[in-house]
């Protein structure tokens, strides 16, 4: 259900369900593919960090961290990304790129009170939200 209907999965699954995060990753993957980015890997485990999605945008290697959850007046899913985790993602990006241009992007899959998903893309994020 998650790969075929990720928006539906986000509406019916509990936030603690492991498939909930996968549904957010699937939505982010679809959105970036629709922009013409070349998909390289999903849930890639490196010695520095687990990479949710790996893409190539032109000549740039893009490590994508996806955060999925409810959004409110004072909270967004991307606020779960800590500075130490972000630093590990940048190290992984640099190692995988081997001298080529690389960056880390954050994609928030924010659910409103009716559990409708909205994607917010933060390219080249250097500090936590």
Protein backbone atom coordinates (compact mmCIF):
# COMPACT_ATOMS: atom_id res chain seq x y z
CA UNK A 1 0.00 0.00 0.00
CA UNK A 2 2.82 2.41 0.86
CA UNK A 3 4.49 2.35 -2.58
CA UNK A 4 1.22 2.44 -4.55
CA UNK A 5 -0.79 4.91 -2.46
CA UNK A 6 1.53 6.83 -0.14
CA UNK A 7 -0.94 9.67 0.46
CA UNK A 8 -3.57 7.17 1.58
CA UNK A 9 -1.01 5.39 3.77
CA UNK A 10 -0.20 8.67 5.54
CA UNK A 11 -3.88 9.19 6.29
CA UNK A 12 -4.52 5.75 7.79
CA UNK A 13 -1.23 4.69 9.41
CA UNK A 14 -0.17 5.70 12.90
CA UNK A 15 2.89 7.93 13.10
CA UNK A 16 4.78 5.22 14.99
CA UNK A 17 4.31 2.66 12.24
CA UNK A 18 7.56 2.10 10.26
CA UNK A 19 5.52 2.25 7.04
CA UNK A 20 4.50 5.82 7.90
CA UNK A 21 8.05 7.11 7.30
CA UNK A 22 8.34 5.00 4.14
CA UNK A 23 5.17 6.60 2.77
CA UNK A 24 6.70 10.05 3.28
CA UNK A 25 9.89 8.94 1.54
CA UNK A 26 7.85 7.60 -1.37
CA UNK A 27 6.07 10.96 -1.79
CA UNK A 28 9.38 12.82 -1.67
CA UNK A 29 10.90 10.42 -4.21
CA UNK A 30 8.00 10.92 -6.62
CA UNK A 31 8.20 14.71 -6.31
CA UNK A 32 11.94 14.81 -7.02
CA UNK A 33 11.65 12.37 -9.94
CA UNK A 34 8.93 14.63 -11.36
CA UNK A 35 11.47 17.49 -11.35
CA UNK A 36 13.69 15.39 -13.60
CA UNK A 37 16.21 14.34 -10.95
CA UNK A 38 17.89 10.97 -11.49
CA UNK A 39 17.11 8.49 -8.71
CA UNK A 40 20.13 6.54 -7.45
CA UNK A 41 19.24 4.78 -4.18
CA UNK A 42 16.75 4.43 -1.35
CA UNK A 43 17.67 3.79 2.30
CA UNK A 44 21.38 3.57 1.57
CA UNK A 45 23.38 2.56 4.64
CA UNK A 46 26.84 4.15 4.82
CA UNK A 47 29.39 4.16 7.62
CA UNK A 48 28.36 7.74 8.47
CA UNK A 49 24.57 7.70 8.18
CA UNK A 50 21.58 6.02 6.62
CA UNK A 51 20.56 8.03 3.57
CA UNK A 52 16.82 8.12 2.94
CA UNK A 53 17.09 8.99 -0.76
CA UNK A 54 20.04 9.57 -3.09
CA UNK A 55 19.59 11.55 -6.30
CA UNK A 56 21.63 13.24 -8.99
CA UNK A 57 20.54 16.71 -10.07
CA UNK A 58 22.57 17.56 -13.16
CA UNK A 59 26.18 17.07 -11.96
CA UNK A 60 25.38 17.35 -8.23
CA UNK A 61 24.96 14.37 -5.91
CA UNK A 62 22.04 15.08 -3.59
CA UNK A 63 21.54 13.29 -0.28
CA UNK A 64 17.90 13.71 0.72
CA UNK A 65 16.74 13.43 4.32
CA UNK A 66 12.96 13.03 4.62
CA UNK A 67 11.08 13.94 7.80
CA UNK A 68 7.40 13.05 7.97
CA UNK A 69 4.90 14.07 10.62
CA UNK A 70 2.22 16.45 11.76
CA UNK A 71 2.76 20.15 11.36
CA UNK A 72 1.31 22.76 13.66
CA UNK A 73 1.64 26.41 14.58
CA UNK A 74 5.01 25.94 16.29
CA UNK A 75 6.22 22.57 15.06
CA UNK A 76 7.31 21.05 11.76
CA UNK A 77 8.61 17.54 10.98
CA UNK A 78 12.01 18.93 9.94
CA UNK A 79 12.62 20.07 13.50
CA UNK A 80 13.47 16.44 14.31
CA UNK A 81 16.70 16.75 12.32
CA UNK A 82 19.53 17.33 14.81
CA UNK A 83 22.82 19.03 14.03
CA UNK A 84 24.89 15.87 14.67
CA UNK A 85 22.74 13.86 12.24
CA UNK A 86 23.00 16.65 9.66
CA UNK A 87 26.80 16.68 10.02
CA UNK A 88 26.90 12.90 9.44
CA UNK A 89 24.77 13.31 6.30
CA UNK A 90 27.19 15.95 4.96
CA UNK A 91 30.14 13.62 5.63
CA UNK A 92 28.36 10.81 3.79
CA UNK A 93 27.56 13.13 0.87
CA UNK A 94 31.18 14.22 0.58
CA UNK A 95 32.47 10.67 0.71
CA UNK A 96 29.99 9.39 -1.88
CA UNK A 97 30.61 12.31 -4.24
CA UNK A 98 34.40 11.75 -4.25
CA UNK A 99 35.23 15.32 -5.15
CA UNK A 100 32.18 16.02 -7.29
CA UNK A 101 29.62 18.62 -6.16
CA UNK A 102 27.33 17.34 -3.40
CA UNK A 103 24.71 18.69 -1.05
CA UNK A 104 22.19 17.61 1.57
CA UNK A 105 18.52 18.50 1.11
CA UNK A 106 15.72 18.18 3.64
CA UNK A 107 12.22 17.32 2.46
CA UNK A 108 9.48 17.77 5.04
CA UNK A 109 6.26 15.82 4.50
CA UNK A 110 3.99 17.85 6.73
CA UNK A 111 0.50 16.60 7.57
CA UNK A 112 -2.21 19.11 8.42
CA UNK A 113 -5.08 18.49 10.85
CA UNK A 114 -6.97 16.53 8.17
CA UNK A 115 -3.79 14.50 7.47
CA UNK A 116 -3.29 15.95 4.00
CA UNK A 117 0.38 15.92 3.03
CA UNK A 118 2.32 19.00 1.94
CA UNK A 119 5.95 18.74 0.82
CA UNK A 120 8.45 21.45 1.74
CA UNK A 121 11.89 21.20 0.12
CA UNK A 122 14.94 22.77 1.81
CA UNK A 123 17.89 22.48 -0.64
CA UNK A 124 21.43 22.60 0.71
CA UNK A 125 20.44 22.67 4.37
CA UNK A 126 23.42 23.44 6.64
CA UNK A 127 21.77 23.99 10.02
CA UNK A 128 18.75 22.42 11.73
CA UNK A 129 15.41 24.22 11.45
